[in-house]
């Protein structure tokens, strides 16, 4: 069989206030085209279908359309689980009769221990869970961390193995030694949320969701699908898409999907970004994070940038201060000349009249407080 492995759709998410519905519909159609082209036998969604537990009506309608398209119109079996962004109760509504159409949707820990068997493969669908769910299920108060809980869960999953079949796990968690992206929600502090990959060794393939970088973990049989879209500047260099798993060989192959709008991070001067040629040098239609190299105050800077890049998602300034360039102070200088000398040493520029006025006002206020 061929299984399409995807995750982290985050339907309903907004990017710096921009509605991503059109972008998500577009990349979903790319996913459908890939499934048809690759002649896959099933679709696996490893959690975070929604961006919020309390998804709005538009997001619910969008997910419903997507699942209906895959399962009822195109007749793909769907293997799906809840992620940490999903509400288990809301996502799981109707699951009791979904199985009849091949839509297998697990939202609670207890459901994970009954595998879905297709051909010569047992598929285990493990939704995101907190340690308290494992404590209650196993009636074991010693399961404090997710790593402790996963050790127990993995043993229980293996107890359901049919030795004549292969075993594939789809789950949603942070695996130890993985690399995070800025757009992911951290569900614990320190290392308490990390699952030891050794607990997954019994499975022939482990398809994960939660981390948005598909290369967040390097392991022979464990693979993050990554998100379908880029959600932060830490992801601009990442290639997004899906994995095709061949269950005969248990090998996977990445297939890139094209977004409706790219995500770019531009570091340049205001003059360069607003020049007439900027539209040719950069992607004007992309979601754009801007880092300005200018030190000067620029009036209405966001308005001006959005004339060129309508989808500006954020603006910051490049750190141009180099404290290691400062030399010994001249004790003969007064406070303002001393400040000006220091500023020139660490920035390479002179204080302008506006900056000098602010500095003088601050100095006068300090003198008055001293009196």
Protein backbone atom coordinates (compact mmCIF):
# COMPACT_ATOMS: atom_id res chain seq x y z
CA UNK A 1 0.00 0.00 0.00
CA UNK A 2 0.86 3.65 -0.35
CA UNK A 3 -0.13 5.95 2.51
CA UNK A 4 -0.04 9.74 2.28
CA UNK A 5 1.23 11.11 5.60
CA UNK A 6 0.33 14.71 6.44
CA UNK A 7 -0.16 16.76 9.63
CA UNK A 8 -0.53 20.20 11.17
CA UNK A 9 -3.12 21.75 8.86
CA UNK A 10 -4.06 24.36 11.49
CA UNK A 11 -7.32 25.26 9.79
CA UNK A 12 -8.62 28.57 11.13
CA UNK A 13 -5.17 30.01 11.77
CA UNK A 14 -4.46 33.65 11.02
CA UNK A 15 -0.98 34.86 10.14
CA UNK A 16 -0.40 38.35 11.58
CA UNK A 17 -4.10 39.02 11.08
CA UNK A 18 -4.27 37.61 7.54
CA UNK A 19 -6.94 34.97 6.93
CA UNK A 20 -5.30 31.82 5.55
CA UNK A 21 -8.47 30.08 4.33
CA UNK A 22 -7.68 30.57 0.64
CA UNK A 23 -4.07 29.46 1.19
CA UNK A 24 -5.20 26.35 3.04
CA UNK A 25 -7.79 25.45 0.41
CA UNK A 26 -5.17 25.87 -2.29
CA UNK A 27 -2.56 23.62 -0.65
CA UNK A 28 -5.29 21.07 0.16
CA UNK A 29 -6.05 20.83 -3.55
CA UNK A 30 -2.33 20.25 -4.10
CA UNK A 31 -2.55 17.42 -1.55
CA UNK A 32 -5.54 15.90 -3.37
CA UNK A 33 -3.70 16.09 -6.69
CA UNK A 34 -0.70 14.39 -5.10
CA UNK A 35 -2.88 11.60 -3.67
CA UNK A 36 -4.37 10.95 -7.11
CA UNK A 37 -1.03 11.11 -8.90
CA UNK A 38 0.65 8.80 -6.40
CA UNK A 39 -2.36 6.45 -6.37
CA UNK A 40 -2.34 6.28 -2.59
CA UNK A 41 -4.52 3.80 -0.71
CA UNK A 42 -5.18 5.95 2.37
CA UNK A 43 -4.60 9.40 3.90
CA UNK A 44 -3.09 9.72 7.40
CA UNK A 45 -3.46 13.05 9.25
CA UNK A 46 -1.25 13.16 12.35
CA UNK A 47 -3.07 15.83 14.33
CA UNK A 48 -3.74 19.57 14.54
CA UNK A 49 -6.42 19.68 11.90
CA UNK A 50 -7.59 22.87 13.64
CA UNK A 51 -5.54 25.76 14.95
CA UNK A 52 -7.75 26.29 18.00
CA UNK A 53 -9.71 24.01 20.29
CA UNK A 54 -12.67 26.40 19.98
CA UNK A 55 -12.60 26.58 16.19
CA UNK A 56 -14.88 29.12 14.56
CA UNK A 57 -17.73 28.09 12.24
CA UNK A 58 -15.77 28.82 9.07
CA UNK A 59 -12.90 26.58 10.21
CA UNK A 60 -15.28 23.75 11.14
CA UNK A 61 -16.99 23.99 7.77
CA UNK A 62 -13.62 23.98 5.99
CA UNK A 63 -12.37 20.85 7.80
CA UNK A 64 -15.69 19.13 7.17
CA UNK A 65 -15.42 19.92 3.45
CA UNK A 66 -11.88 18.57 3.32
CA UNK A 67 -12.68 15.31 5.13
CA UNK A 68 -15.82 14.83 3.03
CA UNK A 69 -13.81 15.38 -0.15
CA UNK A 70 -11.18 12.82 0.82
CA UNK A 71 -13.43 10.17 2.32
CA UNK A 72 -16.85 10.41 0.70
CA UNK A 73 -16.11 11.84 -2.75
CA UNK A 74 -12.69 10.31 -3.44
CA UNK A 75 -13.27 7.24 -1.22
CA UNK A 76 -9.91 7.30 0.53
CA UNK A 77 -9.73 5.65 3.94
CA UNK A 78 -8.65 8.40 6.35
CA UNK A 79 -6.53 7.69 9.45
CA UNK A 80 -6.71 10.79 11.63
CA UNK A 81 -5.90 11.78 15.21
CA UNK A 82 -6.38 14.82 17.41
CA UNK A 83 -3.40 17.07 18.09
CA UNK A 84 -2.75 19.46 20.97
CA UNK A 85 -4.55 22.26 19.09
CA UNK A 86 -7.67 20.16 18.53
CA UNK A 87 -10.56 19.73 20.93
CA UNK A 88 -10.94 15.98 21.37
CA UNK A 89 -14.66 16.29 22.07
CA UNK A 90 -15.43 18.59 19.15
CA UNK A 91 -13.20 16.83 16.62
CA UNK A 92 -14.48 13.43 17.72
CA UNK A 93 -18.17 14.25 17.28
CA UNK A 94 -19.69 11.56 15.07
CA UNK A 95 -16.69 9.22 15.18
CA UNK A 96 -18.93 6.32 16.22
CA UNK A 97 -20.35 6.05 12.70
CA UNK A 98 -17.36 7.38 10.75
CA UNK A 99 -15.69 3.95 10.72
CA UNK A 100 -18.42 2.68 8.38
CA UNK A 101 -17.03 4.92 5.63
CA UNK A 102 -13.35 4.29 6.37
CA UNK A 103 -12.89 7.55 8.30
CA UNK A 104 -10.97 6.40 11.37
CA UNK A 105 -10.66 9.31 13.81
CA UNK A 106 -9.12 8.84 17.26
CA UNK A 107 -9.33 11.67 19.78
CA UNK A 108 -8.95 9.87 23.12
CA UNK A 109 -6.07 7.76 24.47
CA UNK A 110 -8.31 4.72 25.10
CA UNK A 111 -9.11 4.49 21.39
CA UNK A 112 -5.47 4.03 20.40
CA UNK A 113 -5.17 0.43 21.54
CA UNK A 114 -7.56 -0.94 18.90
CA UNK A 115 -5.63 -0.94 15.60
CA UNK A 116 -7.06 -0.33 12.15
CA UNK A 117 -6.07 -3.24 9.93
CA UNK A 118 -5.62 -2.72 6.20
CA UNK A 119 -4.00 -5.47 4.17
CA UNK A 120 -0.93 -6.73 5.97
CA UNK A 121 -0.55 -3.63 8.18
CA UNK A 122 -1.90 -2.71 11.60
CA UNK A 123 -2.26 1.06 11.96
CA UNK A 124 -2.23 2.46 15.50
CA UNK A 125 -3.70 5.95 15.83
CA UNK A 126 -2.43 7.66 18.99
CA UNK A 127 -3.89 11.14 19.57
CA UNK A 128 -2.19 13.84 21.62
CA UNK A 129 -2.68 13.18 25.32
CA UNK A 130 -1.56 14.61 28.65
CA UNK A 131 0.06 12.41 31.34
CA UNK A 132 -3.14 12.64 33.41
CA UNK A 133 -4.98 10.68 30.70
CA UNK A 134 -2.43 7.85 31.01
CA UNK A 135 -2.66 7.92 34.82
CA UNK A 136 -6.41 7.52 34.61
CA UNK A 137 -6.37 4.88 31.87
CA UNK A 138 -3.73 2.68 33.52
CA UNK A 139 -4.75 3.65 37.08
CA UNK A 140 -1.11 4.41 37.81
CA UNK A 141 -0.24 7.62 39.68
CA UNK A 142 3.48 7.18 38.98
CA UNK A 143 3.06 8.38 35.37
CA UNK A 144 4.02 12.01 35.90
CA UNK A 145 5.71 12.99 32.62
CA UNK A 146 4.74 12.31 29.03
CA UNK A 147 7.92 10.27 28.61
CA UNK A 148 6.91 7.96 31.48
CA UNK A 149 3.39 7.74 30.11
CA UNK A 150 4.57 6.99 26.58
CA UNK A 151 6.72 4.12 27.83
CA UNK A 152 3.60 2.52 29.30
CA UNK A 153 1.45 3.37 26.27
CA UNK A 154 3.98 1.89 23.86
CA UNK A 155 4.03 -1.37 25.78
CA UNK A 156 0.23 -1.56 25.66
CA UNK A 157 0.21 -0.85 21.92
CA UNK A 158 2.74 -3.61 21.34
CA UNK A 159 0.55 -6.03 23.30
CA UNK A 160 -2.01 -5.62 20.50
CA UNK A 161 0.51 -6.50 17.75
CA UNK A 162 -0.39 -9.24 15.31
CA UNK A 163 3.01 -10.88 14.66
CA UNK A 164 1.99 -11.73 11.09
CA UNK A 165 1.52 -8.07 10.17
CA UNK A 166 3.54 -4.86 9.97
CA UNK A 167 2.94 -2.12 12.51
CA UNK A 168 2.60 1.61 11.78
CA UNK A 169 2.00 4.30 14.40
CA UNK A 170 0.61 7.78 13.74
CA UNK A 171 0.98 10.08 16.75
CA UNK A 172 1.28 13.71 17.82
CA UNK A 173 4.02 14.70 20.26
CA UNK A 174 7.49 16.19 20.67
CA UNK A 175 10.17 13.54 20.20
CA UNK A 176 13.41 13.95 22.15
CA UNK A 177 16.26 15.64 20.24
CA UNK A 178 13.87 17.27 17.76
CA UNK A 179 14.16 20.91 16.69
CA UNK A 180 11.26 23.30 17.19
CA UNK A 181 9.98 26.11 14.96
CA UNK A 182 8.69 29.45 16.28
CA UNK A 183 5.08 28.73 15.25
CA UNK A 184 4.58 25.65 17.43
CA UNK A 185 2.84 25.74 20.79
CA UNK A 186 5.02 24.40 23.59
CA UNK A 187 2.85 22.21 25.79
CA UNK A 188 5.31 21.79 28.67
CA UNK A 189 8.47 23.30 30.09
CA UNK A 190 11.99 21.97 30.06
CA UNK A 191 12.30 18.45 28.68
CA UNK A 192 9.21 17.03 30.36
CA UNK A 193 7.24 16.92 27.12
CA UNK A 194 9.83 14.92 25.16
CA UNK A 195 9.16 11.33 24.18
CA UNK A 196 12.12 8.95 24.00
CA UNK A 197 12.41 7.62 20.45
CA UNK A 198 13.56 4.29 21.91
CA UNK A 199 9.96 3.68 22.98
CA UNK A 200 8.99 3.66 19.29
CA UNK A 201 11.55 1.07 18.17
CA UNK A 202 9.02 -1.76 17.84
CA UNK A 203 7.11 0.01 15.05
CA UNK A 204 8.01 -0.36 11.39
CA UNK A 205 7.12 3.30 10.78
CA UNK A 206 6.13 6.18 13.04
CA UNK A 207 4.43 9.12 11.33
CA UNK A 208 4.36 12.18 13.58
CA UNK A 209 2.65 15.52 13.80
CA UNK A 210 3.28 18.54 16.09
CA UNK A 211 6.58 19.95 14.82
CA UNK A 212 6.26 22.03 11.66
CA UNK A 213 9.72 21.26 10.31
CA UNK A 214 9.72 17.90 8.55
CA UNK A 215 13.47 17.65 9.22
CA UNK A 216 13.11 18.33 12.95
CA UNK A 217 14.19 14.78 13.75
CA UNK A 218 16.60 12.45 11.99
CA UNK A 219 15.60 8.84 12.69
CA UNK A 220 15.46 5.83 10.37
CA UNK A 221 11.80 4.96 10.98
CA UNK A 222 10.37 8.12 12.58
CA UNK A 223 9.20 11.03 10.44
CA UNK A 224 7.47 14.36 11.04
CA UNK A 225 5.24 15.35 8.14
CA UNK A 226 5.68 19.04 8.92
CA UNK A 227 3.00 21.67 8.39
CA UNK A 228 1.45 22.26 4.97
CA UNK A 229 2.18 26.01 5.13
CA UNK A 230 4.90 28.24 6.56
CA UNK A 231 3.72 30.02 9.68
CA UNK A 232 6.81 31.92 10.93
CA UNK A 233 10.11 33.42 9.83
CA UNK A 234 11.91 30.38 11.26
CA UNK A 235 10.24 28.32 8.52
CA UNK A 236 10.95 30.45 5.44
CA UNK A 237 13.72 28.16 4.20
CA UNK A 238 11.72 24.99 4.79
CA UNK A 239 10.10 23.02 2.00
CA UNK A 240 6.54 22.00 2.83
CA UNK A 241 4.64 18.98 1.58
CA UNK A 242 3.66 15.41 2.43
CA UNK A 243 5.27 11.98 2.70
CA UNK A 244 4.33 8.91 0.70
CA UNK A 245 4.87 5.74 2.73
CA UNK A 246 5.32 2.44 0.89
CA UNK A 247 4.20 -0.21 3.39
CA UNK A 248 5.85 -3.02 1.42
CA UNK A 249 9.33 -1.60 1.97
CA UNK A 250 8.50 0.84 4.81
CA UNK A 251 10.33 3.57 2.93
CA UNK A 252 9.03 7.11 2.64
CA UNK A 253 9.42 9.76 -0.02
CA UNK A 254 8.81 13.49 0.37
CA UNK A 255 6.60 15.29 -2.14
CA UNK A 256 6.70 19.10 -2.08
CA UNK A 257 3.43 21.03 -2.38
CA UNK A 258 3.12 24.48 -3.90
CA UNK A 259 1.63 27.27 -1.73
CA UNK A 260 -0.72 29.97 -2.98
CA UNK A 261 1.56 32.61 -1.45
CA UNK A 262 5.16 32.09 -0.39
CA UNK A 263 6.61 33.36 2.91
CA UNK A 264 9.76 35.49 2.67
CA UNK A 265 11.98 37.35 5.13
CA UNK A 266 13.63 40.44 3.66
CA UNK A 267 16.54 42.29 5.27
CA UNK A 268 17.23 45.57 3.46
CA UNK A 269 17.01 49.33 3.71
CA UNK A 270 13.69 51.13 3.46
CA UNK A 271 14.89 52.78 0.25
CA UNK A 272 15.67 49.42 -1.37
CA UNK A 273 12.34 47.90 -0.37
CA UNK A 274 10.28 50.82 -1.65
CA UNK A 275 12.27 51.49 -4.84
CA UNK A 276 10.37 51.10 -8.15
CA UNK A 277 12.43 47.98 -8.88
CA UNK A 278 11.52 46.29 -5.57
CA UNK A 279 8.60 44.48 -7.17
CA UNK A 280 11.01 42.83 -9.60
CA UNK A 281 13.65 41.97 -7.01
CA UNK A 282 11.26 40.45 -4.46
CA UNK A 283 8.00 38.51 -4.40
CA UNK A 284 5.33 41.17 -3.88
CA UNK A 285 2.56 38.59 -3.34
CA UNK A 286 4.37 36.68 -0.58
CA UNK A 287 3.72 36.94 3.12
CA UNK A 288 6.65 39.13 4.05
CA UNK A 289 8.56 39.66 7.28
CA UNK A 290 10.77 42.75 7.06
CA UNK A 291 13.99 43.57 8.88
CA UNK A 292 15.05 47.13 8.17
CA UNK A 293 18.72 48.06 8.21
CA UNK A 294 17.88 51.76 8.73
CA UNK A 295 18.54 53.41 12.08
CA UNK A 296 16.48 56.53 11.38
CA UNK A 297 12.83 56.93 12.32
CA UNK A 298 10.63 56.47 9.23
CA UNK A 299 7.14 58.01 9.42
CA UNK A 300 4.25 55.68 8.41
CA UNK A 301 6.73 52.94 7.65
CA UNK A 302 4.21 50.05 7.64
CA UNK A 303 1.83 51.91 5.36
CA UNK A 304 4.62 52.59 2.91
CA UNK A 305 5.88 48.99 2.98
CA UNK A 306 2.38 47.63 2.39
CA UNK A 307 2.14 49.68 -0.76
CA UNK A 308 4.83 47.37 -2.14
CA UNK A 309 4.20 44.21 -0.09
CA UNK A 310 0.49 43.98 0.80
CA UNK A 311 1.07 40.95 3.04
CA UNK A 312 3.66 42.33 5.47
CA UNK A 313 3.49 40.13 8.56
CA UNK A 314 6.00 41.87 10.78
CA UNK A 315 8.67 44.55 11.01
CA UNK A 316 11.83 44.80 13.08
CA UNK A 317 15.19 46.55 12.92
CA UNK A 318 18.57 45.03 12.36
CA UNK A 319 20.81 45.35 15.40
CA UNK A 320 23.41 47.84 14.24
CA UNK A 321 25.06 48.54 17.58
CA UNK A 322 28.51 47.01 18.04
CA UNK A 323 29.56 47.60 21.65
CA UNK A 324 32.94 46.02 21.05
CA UNK A 325 33.87 49.05 18.90
CA UNK A 326 33.65 51.43 21.87
CA UNK A 327 36.98 52.82 23.09
CA UNK A 328 37.91 54.47 26.38
CA UNK A 329 35.82 57.55 27.22
CA UNK A 330 37.33 61.03 27.08
CA UNK A 331 36.87 62.41 30.63
CA UNK A 332 37.14 65.98 29.39
CA UNK A 333 33.84 65.73 27.46
CA UNK A 334 30.51 66.83 28.90
CA UNK A 335 27.51 64.43 29.09
CA UNK A 336 26.01 65.16 25.65
CA UNK A 337 29.31 65.20 23.74
CA UNK A 338 30.27 62.00 25.57
CA UNK A 339 26.99 60.36 24.51
CA UNK A 340 27.50 61.54 20.93
CA UNK A 341 31.04 60.18 20.86
CA UNK A 342 29.89 56.79 22.20
CA UNK A 343 26.98 56.63 19.74
CA UNK A 344 29.29 57.31 16.80
CA UNK A 345 31.75 54.65 17.94
CA UNK A 346 29.15 51.85 18.24
CA UNK A 347 26.90 52.75 15.27
CA UNK A 348 29.17 54.60 12.87
CA UNK A 349 26.65 57.48 12.65
CA UNK A 350 26.26 60.85 14.29
CA UNK A 351 23.35 61.67 16.56
CA UNK A 352 20.81 63.70 14.60
CA UNK A 353 19.03 66.79 15.92
CA UNK A 354 15.97 64.82 17.06
CA UNK A 355 18.07 62.33 18.99
CA UNK A 356 20.09 65.12 20.58
CA UNK A 357 16.88 66.85 21.65
CA UNK A 358 15.63 63.66 23.32
CA UNK A 359 18.97 63.15 25.06
CA UNK A 360 19.04 66.78 26.29
CA UNK A 361 15.49 66.53 27.63
CA UNK A 362 16.36 63.31 29.48
CA UNK A 363 19.49 64.91 30.93
CA UNK A 364 17.54 68.00 32.08
CA UNK A 365 14.90 65.77 33.71
CA UNK A 366 17.59 63.79 35.51
CA UNK A 367 19.16 67.00 36.84
CA UNK A 368 15.80 68.22 38.14
CA UNK A 369 15.20 64.92 39.94
CA UNK A 370 18.66 65.19 41.45
CA UNK A 371 17.84 68.59 42.87
